[in-house]
Amino acid sequence: MNFSLTVLGSSSAAPAHNRNLSAHLLNANERFFLIDCGEGTQFQLRRYHLSMQRIKHIFISHLHGDHYFGLIGLLNTMHLHGRKEELHLYAAQELQEILEMQMNVSLTRLVYPLIFHSLRHDTGELILEEERISVHSFPLKHSVPTCGFLFREKNPPRKVPVARSYAWCSDTAYTESILPILQNVGLLYHEATFMQEMSSAAAEKFHSTTIEAATIALKANAGKLIIGHFSARYEDTDLLVQEARTVFPQTYPAEEGVSIEI
C-alpha cells in the first residue's frame, strides 16, 4: 500500500531559482493530505499530474504568506470544477475570517462543504483520527503561532512490518521541545533555511540551520530527513545537504515533484 510524499514547493519567502513555495502532498493509502499551500500550489499539482479533487484534508502550519497564499485560488478552482465532497481545513482561527472575507467580496458561495478546524498553538493535540491514520499537531517556535504535524499510519497492511510515519516541521527556530513527539519517525521534514554560518540570522528570524535540522533528526532517531524552505541566497542546495549530512547522513533535499516512499 502506498505511503508516499511529493514535495510541491521548497523555497522560503518568495519563489527563487525555479523553486516554488511551501507545500507537500502526502498519499497515505490513497488518502491525500495537503500540508501548507504556498502561492502556485495548484499549478504544481497540475504540473505533476496530482488530482486536487482527491485532497480531503488541508493543513496550514501558520499565517505567513508563503505558506497559505495559494489557498484561496485552490479552493476556488475546486469550486469551479464542481467539487461536491466535503473538504477539511486545519489552521489558525484567523484564517477562517480571511477566507470568509475573500469569498464575501467576490460573492462566492462554495458548492462543496468546507469544514474548518481551529488549531491550538500552546500544546499538541490529536486533530484527526481515521481507521488507517492519525494526525497530531504540535507547537513550533516561530515569530507567529506555528504548528507542526505528525501523520502516523494505523493498522498497516500485513506486508508492511511497521506503521509508517511522516512529520512536518515548518518554520521554526531550533527547539528540543518537539523531540518527544518526533521519536522514531520514519520520515522527517525540517526546515533548514540557512547554512550554519548564518546561525545568528537564523535565530533572529526564528528559523533553523542545516546543522540544527540534522541535530533534531539525530536526537529523534528519525529514519530519513528532508530539508527545505531554502533561502533565496542559495541557488545550489547541494552544500546545505552536504553540511546536514555531517550530522545526519540520511539527509536529502526537498526536490519538487519527486515521490518519496516512506
C-alpha atoms as a PDB file:
ATOM      1  CA  MET A   1       0.000   0.000   0.000  1.00  0.00           C
ATOM      2  CA  ASN A   2       1.199   3.468  -0.861  1.00  0.00           C
ATOM      3  CA  PHE A   3       2.555   5.815   1.800  1.00  0.00           C
ATOM      4  CA  SER A   4       4.486   8.490  -0.022  1.00  0.00           C
ATOM      5  CA  LEU A   5       5.283  12.186  -0.077  1.00  0.00           C
ATOM      6  CA  THR A   6       5.513  14.584  -3.002  1.00  0.00           C
ATOM      7  CA  VAL A   7       7.216  17.948  -2.465  1.00  0.00           C
ATOM      8  CA  LEU A   8       5.446  20.748  -4.335  1.00  0.00           C
ATOM      9  CA  GLY A   9       7.497  23.690  -3.056  1.00  0.00           C
ATOM     10  CA  SER A  10      10.840  24.134  -1.299  1.00  0.00           C
ATOM     11  CA  SER A  11      11.605  27.858  -1.313  1.00  0.00           C
ATOM     12  CA  SER A  12      11.247  30.343   1.535  1.00  0.00           C
ATOM     13  CA  ALA A  13       9.591  33.776   1.430  1.00  0.00           C
ATOM     14  CA  ALA A  14       9.373  34.022  -2.386  1.00  0.00           C
ATOM     15  CA  PRO A  15       9.894  31.740  -5.411  1.00  0.00           C
ATOM     16  CA  ALA A  16      13.553  31.545  -6.393  1.00  0.00           C
ATOM     17  CA  HIS A  17      15.841  29.501  -8.661  1.00  0.00           C
ATOM     18  CA  ASN A  18      12.878  27.522 -10.063  1.00  0.00           C
ATOM     19  CA  ARG A  19      11.826  26.609  -6.537  1.00  0.00           C
ATOM     20  CA  ASN A  20       8.212  27.155  -5.527  1.00  0.00           C
ATOM     21  CA  LEU A  21       6.690  27.963  -2.152  1.00  0.00           C
ATOM     22  CA  SER A  22       5.917  25.591   0.701  1.00  0.00           C
ATOM     23  CA  ALA A  23       3.546  22.695   0.032  1.00  0.00           C
ATOM     24  CA  HIS A  24       3.737  18.925   0.480  1.00  0.00           C
ATOM     25  CA  LEU A  25       1.237  16.269  -0.610  1.00  0.00           C
ATOM     26  CA  LEU A  26       1.064  13.071   1.438  1.00  0.00           C
ATOM     27  CA  ASN A  27      -0.533   9.965  -0.058  1.00  0.00           C
ATOM     28  CA  ALA A  28      -1.454   7.667   2.807  1.00  0.00           C
ATOM     29  CA  ASN A  29      -3.008   4.568   1.266  1.00  0.00           C
ATOM     30  CA  GLU A  30      -4.808   6.676  -1.369  1.00  0.00           C
ATOM     31  CA  ARG A  31      -5.971   9.250   1.178  1.00  0.00           C
ATOM     32  CA  PHE A  32      -4.482  12.611   0.169  1.00  0.00           C
ATOM     33  CA  PHE A  33      -3.361  15.291   2.625  1.00  0.00           C
ATOM     34  CA  LEU A  34      -2.052  18.714   1.571  1.00  0.00           C
ATOM     35  CA  ILE A  35       0.339  20.352   4.041  1.00  0.00           C
ATOM     36  CA  ASP A  36       0.688  24.107   3.521  1.00  0.00           C
ATOM     37  CA  CYS A  37      -0.408  25.825   0.337  1.00  0.00           C
ATOM     38  CA  GLY A  38       2.012  28.487  -0.828  1.00  0.00           C
ATOM     39  CA  GLU A  39       1.346  30.599  -3.904  1.00  0.00           C
ATOM     40  CA  GLY A  40       1.307  28.429  -7.031  1.00  0.00           C
ATOM     41  CA  THR A  41       0.409  25.158  -5.313  1.00  0.00           C
ATOM     42  CA  GLN A  42      -2.411  24.364  -7.724  1.00  0.00           C
ATOM     43  CA  PHE A  43      -0.033  24.877 -10.655  1.00  0.00           C
ATOM     44  CA  GLN A  44       2.368  22.382  -9.060  1.00  0.00           C
ATOM     45  CA  LEU A  45      -0.424  19.853  -8.574  1.00  0.00           C
ATOM     46  CA  ARG A  46      -1.246  20.120 -12.278  1.00  0.00           C
ATOM     47  CA  ARG A  47       2.412  20.028 -13.279  1.00  0.00           C
ATOM     48  CA  TYR A  48       2.938  16.714 -11.508  1.00  0.00           C
ATOM     49  CA  HIS A  49      -0.447  15.251 -12.521  1.00  0.00           C
ATOM     50  CA  LEU A  50      -1.815  15.143  -8.971  1.00  0.00           C
ATOM     51  CA  SER A  51      -5.570  15.468  -8.591  1.00  0.00           C
ATOM     52  CA  MET A  52      -6.611  18.386  -6.383  1.00  0.00           C
ATOM     53  CA  GLN A  53     -10.105  16.923  -6.090  1.00  0.00           C
ATOM     54  CA  ARG A  54      -8.758  13.862  -4.273  1.00  0.00           C
ATOM     55  CA  ILE A  55      -7.426  16.010  -1.442  1.00  0.00           C
ATOM     56  CA  LYS A  56      -9.664  15.535   1.610  1.00  0.00           C
ATOM     57  CA  HIS A  57      -7.712  17.464   4.251  1.00  0.00           C
ATOM     58  CA  ILE A  58      -5.544  20.604   4.129  1.00  0.00           C
ATOM     59  CA  PHE A  59      -3.223  21.611   6.971  1.00  0.00           C
ATOM     60  CA  ILE A  60      -1.808  25.149   7.233  1.00  0.00           C
ATOM     61  CA  SER A  61       1.129  25.471   9.616  1.00  0.00           C
ATOM     62  CA  HIS A  62       0.990  29.256  10.103  1.00  0.00           C
ATOM     63  CA  LEU A  63      -0.146  32.501   8.563  1.00  0.00           C
ATOM     64  CA  HIS A  64       2.962  33.745   6.815  1.00  0.00           C
ATOM     65  CA  GLY A  65       2.040  34.287   3.191  1.00  0.00           C
ATOM     66  CA  ASP A  66       4.489  31.842   1.665  1.00  0.00           C
ATOM     67  CA  HIS A  67       2.591  29.064   3.452  1.00  0.00           C
ATOM     68  CA  TYR A  68      -1.017  29.889   2.583  1.00  0.00           C
ATOM     69  CA  PHE A  69      -1.376  32.500  -0.180  1.00  0.00           C
ATOM     70  CA  GLY A  70      -2.192  29.737  -2.685  1.00  0.00           C
ATOM     71  CA  LEU A  71      -5.160  28.506  -0.671  1.00  0.00           C
ATOM     72  CA  ILE A  72      -7.958  30.780  -1.880  1.00  0.00           C
ATOM     73  CA  GLY A  73      -7.071  30.022  -5.503  1.00  0.00           C
ATOM     74  CA  LEU A  74      -7.066  26.284  -4.874  1.00  0.00           C
ATOM     75  CA  LEU A  75     -10.404  26.379  -3.038  1.00  0.00           C
ATOM     76  CA  ASN A  76     -11.936  28.449  -5.823  1.00  0.00           C
ATOM     77  CA  THR A  77     -10.696  26.111  -8.553  1.00  0.00           C
ATOM     78  CA  MET A  78     -12.194  23.137  -6.702  1.00  0.00           C
ATOM     79  CA  HIS A  79     -15.445  25.129  -6.634  1.00  0.00           C
ATOM     80  CA  LEU A  80     -15.324  25.966 -10.350  1.00  0.00           C
ATOM     81  CA  HIS A  81     -14.704  22.311 -11.193  1.00  0.00           C
ATOM     82  CA  GLY A  82     -17.861  21.287  -9.340  1.00  0.00           C
ATOM     83  CA  ARG A  83     -16.415  19.565  -6.309  1.00  0.00           C
ATOM     84  CA  LYS A  84     -19.155  18.019  -4.152  1.00  0.00           C
ATOM     85  CA  GLU A  85     -17.193  16.197  -1.451  1.00  0.00           C
ATOM     86  CA  GLU A  86     -16.511  17.989   1.814  1.00  0.00           C
ATOM     87  CA  LEU A  87     -13.042  19.418   2.450  1.00  0.00           C
ATOM     88  CA  HIS A  88     -11.493  19.756   5.898  1.00  0.00           C
ATOM     89  CA  LEU A  89      -9.172  22.673   6.649  1.00  0.00           C
ATOM     90  CA  TYR A  90      -6.955  22.826   9.764  1.00  0.00           C
ATOM     91  CA  ALA A  91      -5.393  26.194  10.607  1.00  0.00           C
ATOM     92  CA  ALA A  92      -5.291  29.163  12.950  1.00  0.00           C
ATOM     93  CA  GLN A  93      -8.759  30.599  13.576  1.00  0.00           C
ATOM     94  CA  GLU A  94      -7.834  33.863  11.829  1.00  0.00           C
ATOM     95  CA  LEU A  95      -7.627  32.041   8.506  1.00  0.00           C
ATOM     96  CA  GLN A  96     -11.344  31.298   8.591  1.00  0.00           C
ATOM     97  CA  GLU A  97     -12.000  35.021   8.861  1.00  0.00           C
ATOM     98  CA  ILE A  98      -9.618  35.766   5.972  1.00  0.00           C
ATOM     99  CA  LEU A  99     -11.286  33.211   3.689  1.00  0.00           C
ATOM    100  CA  GLU A 100     -14.771  34.404   4.573  1.00  0.00           C
ATOM    101  CA  MET A 101     -13.784  37.975   3.697  1.00  0.00           C
ATOM    102  CA  GLN A 102     -12.267  36.905   0.369  1.00  0.00           C
ATOM    103  CA  MET A 103     -15.353  34.923  -0.573  1.00  0.00           C
ATOM    104  CA  ASN A 104     -17.799  37.572   0.590  1.00  0.00           C
ATOM    105  CA  VAL A 105     -16.286  40.356  -1.519  1.00  0.00           C
ATOM    106  CA  SER A 106     -16.367  38.117  -4.611  1.00  0.00           C
ATOM    107  CA  LEU A 107     -19.892  36.848  -3.841  1.00  0.00           C
ATOM    108  CA  THR A 108     -18.575  33.287  -3.864  1.00  0.00           C
ATOM    109  CA  ARG A 109     -20.561  30.503  -2.220  1.00  0.00           C
ATOM    110  CA  LEU A 110     -18.681  27.242  -2.430  1.00  0.00           C
ATOM    111  CA  VAL A 111     -20.600  24.354  -3.959  1.00  0.00           C
ATOM    112  CA  TYR A 112     -18.962  21.929  -1.518  1.00  0.00           C
ATOM    113  CA  PRO A 113     -18.799  21.908   2.296  1.00  0.00           C
ATOM    114  CA  LEU A 114     -15.637  23.489   3.704  1.00  0.00           C
ATOM    115  CA  ILE A 115     -15.219  22.368   7.310  1.00  0.00           C
ATOM    116  CA  PHE A 116     -12.832  24.477   9.370  1.00  0.00           C
ATOM    117  CA  HIS A 117     -10.867  23.098  12.330  1.00  0.00           C
ATOM    118  CA  SER A 118      -9.156  25.671  14.544  1.00  0.00           C
ATOM    119  CA  LEU A 119      -5.684  24.694  15.752  1.00  0.00           C
ATOM    120  CA  ARG A 120      -4.218  25.283  19.172  1.00  0.00           C
ATOM    121  CA  HIS A 121      -0.685  26.666  19.318  1.00  0.00           C
ATOM    122  CA  ASP A 122       0.119  26.197  23.002  1.00  0.00           C
ATOM    123  CA  THR A 123       0.061  22.405  23.134  1.00  0.00           C
ATOM    124  CA  GLY A 124      -0.046  19.318  20.967  1.00  0.00           C
ATOM    125  CA  GLU A 125      -3.344  17.649  20.155  1.00  0.00           C
ATOM    126  CA  LEU A 126      -4.895  14.861  18.129  1.00  0.00           C
ATOM    127  CA  ILE A 127      -6.656  16.657  15.273  1.00  0.00           C
ATOM    128  CA  LEU A 128      -7.683  13.755  13.036  1.00  0.00           C
ATOM    129  CA  GLU A 129      -8.185  10.062  13.598  1.00  0.00           C
ATOM    130  CA  GLU A 130      -9.402   7.614  10.997  1.00  0.00           C
ATOM    131  CA  GLU A 131      -9.227   3.850  10.669  1.00  0.00           C
ATOM    132  CA  ARG A 132      -5.884   3.934   8.860  1.00  0.00           C
ATOM    133  CA  ILE A 133      -4.214   7.164  10.007  1.00  0.00           C
ATOM    134  CA  SER A 134      -3.936   9.638  12.870  1.00  0.00           C
ATOM    135  CA  VAL A 135      -2.699  13.235  12.733  1.00  0.00           C
ATOM    136  CA  HIS A 136      -1.299  15.223  15.660  1.00  0.00           C
ATOM    137  CA  SER A 137      -0.401  18.897  15.699  1.00  0.00           C
ATOM    138  CA  PHE A 138       2.344  20.288  17.921  1.00  0.00           C
ATOM    139  CA  PRO A 139       3.677  23.807  18.583  1.00  0.00           C
ATOM    140  CA  LEU A 140       6.822  25.068  16.895  1.00  0.00           C
ATOM    141  CA  LYS A 141       8.979  28.078  17.788  1.00  0.00           C
ATOM    142  CA  HIS A 142       8.451  30.833  15.233  1.00  0.00           C
ATOM    143  CA  SER A 143       7.695  34.556  15.074  1.00  0.00           C
ATOM    144  CA  VAL A 144       3.954  33.852  14.750  1.00  0.00           C
ATOM    145  CA  PRO A 145       1.940  30.913  16.142  1.00  0.00           C
ATOM    146  CA  THR A 146       3.006  27.849  14.159  1.00  0.00           C
ATOM    147  CA  CYS A 147       2.165  24.148  14.197  1.00  0.00           C
ATOM    148  CA  GLY A 148       3.971  21.071  13.038  1.00  0.00           C
ATOM    149  CA  PHE A 149       2.082  17.922  12.044  1.00  0.00           C
ATOM    150  CA  LEU A 150       2.713  14.229  12.626  1.00  0.00           C
ATOM    151  CA  PHE A 151       0.999  11.682  10.375  1.00  0.00           C
ATOM    152  CA  ARG A 152       1.086   8.124  11.675  1.00  0.00           C
ATOM    153  CA  GLU A 153      -0.285   5.054   9.926  1.00  0.00           C
ATOM    154  CA  LYS A 154      -2.655   2.809  11.869  1.00  0.00           C
ATOM    155  CA  ASN A 155      -3.413  -0.855  11.217  1.00  0.00           C
ATOM    156  CA  PRO A 156      -0.777  -1.220   8.474  1.00  0.00           C
ATOM    157  CA  PRO A 157      -1.190  -3.904   5.793  1.00  0.00           C
ATOM    158  CA  ARG A 158       0.288  -7.293   6.643  1.00  0.00           C
ATOM    159  CA  LYS A 159       3.113  -6.889   4.162  1.00  0.00           C
ATOM    160  CA  VAL A 160       4.225  -3.690   5.935  1.00  0.00           C
ATOM    161  CA  PRO A 161       6.292  -4.722   9.003  1.00  0.00           C
ATOM    162  CA  VAL A 162       5.845  -1.458  10.966  1.00  0.00           C
ATOM    163  CA  ALA A 163       3.489   1.513  10.921  1.00  0.00           C
ATOM    164  CA  ARG A 164       4.810   4.331   8.751  1.00  0.00           C
ATOM    165  CA  SER A 165       5.011   7.962   9.806  1.00  0.00           C
ATOM    166  CA  TYR A 166       5.806  11.417   8.487  1.00  0.00           C
ATOM    167  CA  ALA A 167       6.420  14.633  10.429  1.00  0.00           C
ATOM    168  CA  TRP A 168       6.316  18.169   9.027  1.00  0.00           C
ATOM    169  CA  CYS A 169       8.328  20.747  10.963  1.00  0.00           C
ATOM    170  CA  SER A 170       7.575  24.006   9.238  1.00  0.00           C
ATOM    171  CA  ASP A 171       9.210  27.350  10.069  1.00  0.00           C
ATOM    172  CA  THR A 172      10.841  27.084  13.476  1.00  0.00           C
ATOM    173  CA  ALA A 173      13.876  28.026  15.473  1.00  0.00           C
ATOM    174  CA  TYR A 174      15.825  25.150  16.977  1.00  0.00           C
ATOM    175  CA  THR A 175      13.814  23.647  19.825  1.00  0.00           C
ATOM    176  CA  GLU A 176      14.162  20.283  21.512  1.00  0.00           C
ATOM    177  CA  SER A 177      10.625  20.548  22.871  1.00  0.00           C
ATOM    178  CA  ILE A 178       9.447  18.736  19.730  1.00  0.00           C
ATOM    179  CA  LEU A 179      11.647  15.685  20.259  1.00  0.00           C
ATOM    180  CA  PRO A 180       9.173  13.568  22.266  1.00  0.00           C
ATOM    181  CA  ILE A 181       6.551  13.573  19.504  1.00  0.00           C
ATOM    182  CA  LEU A 182       9.147  13.020  16.765  1.00  0.00           C
ATOM    183  CA  GLN A 183      10.788   9.958  18.283  1.00  0.00           C
ATOM    184  CA  ASN A 184      11.416   7.198  15.715  1.00  0.00           C
ATOM    185  CA  VAL A 185       9.532   8.992  12.939  1.00  0.00           C
ATOM    186  CA  GLY A 186      10.090   7.327   9.588  1.00  0.00           C
ATOM    187  CA  LEU A 187      10.462  10.491   7.518  1.00  0.00           C
ATOM    188  CA  LEU A 188      11.071  13.923   8.995  1.00  0.00           C
ATOM    189  CA  TYR A 189      10.783  17.176   7.091  1.00  0.00           C
ATOM    190  CA  HIS A 190      12.528  20.010   8.932  1.00  0.00           C
ATOM    191  CA  GLU A 191      13.121  23.466   7.558  1.00  0.00           C
ATOM    192  CA  ALA A 192      16.767  24.428   7.011  1.00  0.00           C
ATOM    193  CA  THR A 193      16.584  27.966   5.693  1.00  0.00           C
ATOM    194  CA  PHE A 194      20.285  28.725   6.259  1.00  0.00           C
ATOM    195  CA  MET A 195      23.681  27.081   6.444  1.00  0.00           C
ATOM    196  CA  GLN A 196      25.357  27.010   9.840  1.00  0.00           C
ATOM    197  CA  GLU A 197      27.469  30.099   9.156  1.00  0.00           C
ATOM    198  CA  MET A 198      24.192  32.045   9.211  1.00  0.00           C
ATOM    199  CA  SER A 199      23.154  30.747  12.624  1.00  0.00           C
ATOM    200  CA  SER A 200      22.769  34.226  14.118  1.00  0.00           C
ATOM    201  CA  ALA A 201      20.435  35.293  11.310  1.00  0.00           C
ATOM    202  CA  ALA A 202      18.510  32.038  11.670  1.00  0.00           C
ATOM    203  CA  ALA A 203      17.973  32.601  15.389  1.00  0.00           C
ATOM    204  CA  GLU A 204      16.949  36.220  14.846  1.00  0.00           C
ATOM    205  CA  LYS A 205      14.335  35.200  12.251  1.00  0.00           C
ATOM    206  CA  PHE A 206      13.171  32.107  14.189  1.00  0.00           C
ATOM    207  CA  HIS A 207      14.450  29.745  11.507  1.00  0.00           C
ATOM    208  CA  SER A 208      16.808  26.774  11.580  1.00  0.00           C
ATOM    209  CA  THR A 209      20.147  25.923  10.046  1.00  0.00           C
ATOM    210  CA  THR A 210      21.185  22.719   8.322  1.00  0.00           C
ATOM    211  CA  ILE A 211      23.080  21.542  11.389  1.00  0.00           C
ATOM    212  CA  GLU A 212      20.145  22.290  13.676  1.00  0.00           C
ATOM    213  CA  ALA A 213      17.708  20.374  11.467  1.00  0.00           C
ATOM    214  CA  ALA A 214      20.114  17.429  11.306  1.00  0.00           C
ATOM    215  CA  THR A 215      20.585  17.500  15.079  1.00  0.00           C
ATOM    216  CA  ILE A 216      16.824  17.242  15.602  1.00  0.00           C
ATOM    217  CA  ALA A 217      16.706  14.269  13.211  1.00  0.00           C
ATOM    218  CA  LEU A 218      19.588  12.592  15.037  1.00  0.00           C
ATOM    219  CA  LYS A 219      18.111  13.099  18.502  1.00  0.00           C
ATOM    220  CA  ALA A 220      14.680  11.969  17.305  1.00  0.00           C
ATOM    221  CA  ASN A 221      16.156   8.784  15.799  1.00  0.00           C
ATOM    222  CA  ALA A 222      14.400   9.581  12.523  1.00  0.00           C
ATOM    223  CA  GLY A 223      14.666   7.211   9.586  1.00  0.00           C
ATOM    224  CA  LYS A 224      15.303   9.917   6.977  1.00  0.00           C
ATOM    225  CA  LEU A 225      15.477  13.697   6.953  1.00  0.00           C
ATOM    226  CA  ILE A 226      14.304  16.050   4.206  1.00  0.00           C
ATOM    227  CA  ILE A 227      15.408  19.659   4.433  1.00  0.00           C
ATOM    228  CA  GLY A 228      13.776  22.561   2.618  1.00  0.00           C
ATOM    229  CA  HIS A 229      12.447  26.122   2.874  1.00  0.00           C
ATOM    230  CA  PHE A 230      15.743  27.218   1.358  1.00  0.00           C
ATOM    231  CA  SER A 231      16.745  30.870   1.406  1.00  0.00           C
ATOM    232  CA  ALA A 232      16.992  32.537  -1.997  1.00  0.00           C
ATOM    233  CA  ARG A 233      20.641  33.241  -1.234  1.00  0.00           C
ATOM    234  CA  TYR A 234      21.364  29.580  -2.137  1.00  0.00           C
ATOM    235  CA  GLU A 235      20.994  28.788  -5.819  1.00  0.00           C
ATOM    236  CA  ASP A 236      22.577  25.348  -5.371  1.00  0.00           C
ATOM    237  CA  THR A 237      21.245  23.391  -2.383  1.00  0.00           C
ATOM    238  CA  ASP A 238      23.919  20.679  -2.528  1.00  0.00           C
ATOM    239  CA  LEU A 239      26.069  22.485   0.033  1.00  0.00           C
ATOM    240  CA  LEU A 240      23.180  22.616   2.501  1.00  0.00           C
ATOM    241  CA  VAL A 241      22.572  18.896   2.146  1.00  0.00           C
ATOM    242  CA  GLN A 242      26.276  18.088   2.483  1.00  0.00           C
ATOM    243  CA  GLU A 243      26.537  20.156   5.654  1.00  0.00           C
ATOM    244  CA  ALA A 244      23.497  18.473   7.205  1.00  0.00           C
ATOM    245  CA  ARG A 245      24.931  15.044   6.366  1.00  0.00           C
ATOM    246  CA  THR A 246      27.942  15.695   8.592  1.00  0.00           C
ATOM    247  CA  VAL A 247      25.496  15.252  11.480  1.00  0.00           C
ATOM    248  CA  PHE A 248      22.773  13.067   9.974  1.00  0.00           C
ATOM    249  CA  PRO A 249      23.902  11.079   6.907  1.00  0.00           C
ATOM    250  CA  GLN A 250      20.372  10.156   5.794  1.00  0.00           C
ATOM    251  CA  THR A 251      19.588  13.751   4.757  1.00  0.00           C
ATOM    252  CA  TYR A 252      18.022  14.589   1.398  1.00  0.00           C
ATOM    253  CA  PRO A 253      16.882  17.820  -0.274  1.00  0.00           C
ATOM    254  CA  ALA A 254      13.234  18.676  -0.777  1.00  0.00           C
ATOM    255  CA  GLU A 255      13.185  18.025  -4.531  1.00  0.00           C
ATOM    256  CA  GLU A 256       9.982  19.221  -6.138  1.00  0.00           C
ATOM    257  CA  GLY A 257       7.937  16.608  -7.969  1.00  0.00           C
ATOM    258  CA  VAL A 258       9.842  13.633  -6.564  1.00  0.00           C
ATOM    259  CA  SER A 259       7.747  10.948  -4.877  1.00  0.00           C
ATOM    260  CA  ILE A 260       9.393   9.689  -1.686  1.00  0.00           C
ATOM    261  CA  GLU A 261       8.272   6.332  -0.329  1.00  0.00           C
ATOM    262  CA  ILE A 262       8.029   6.203   3.455  1.00  0.00           C
END
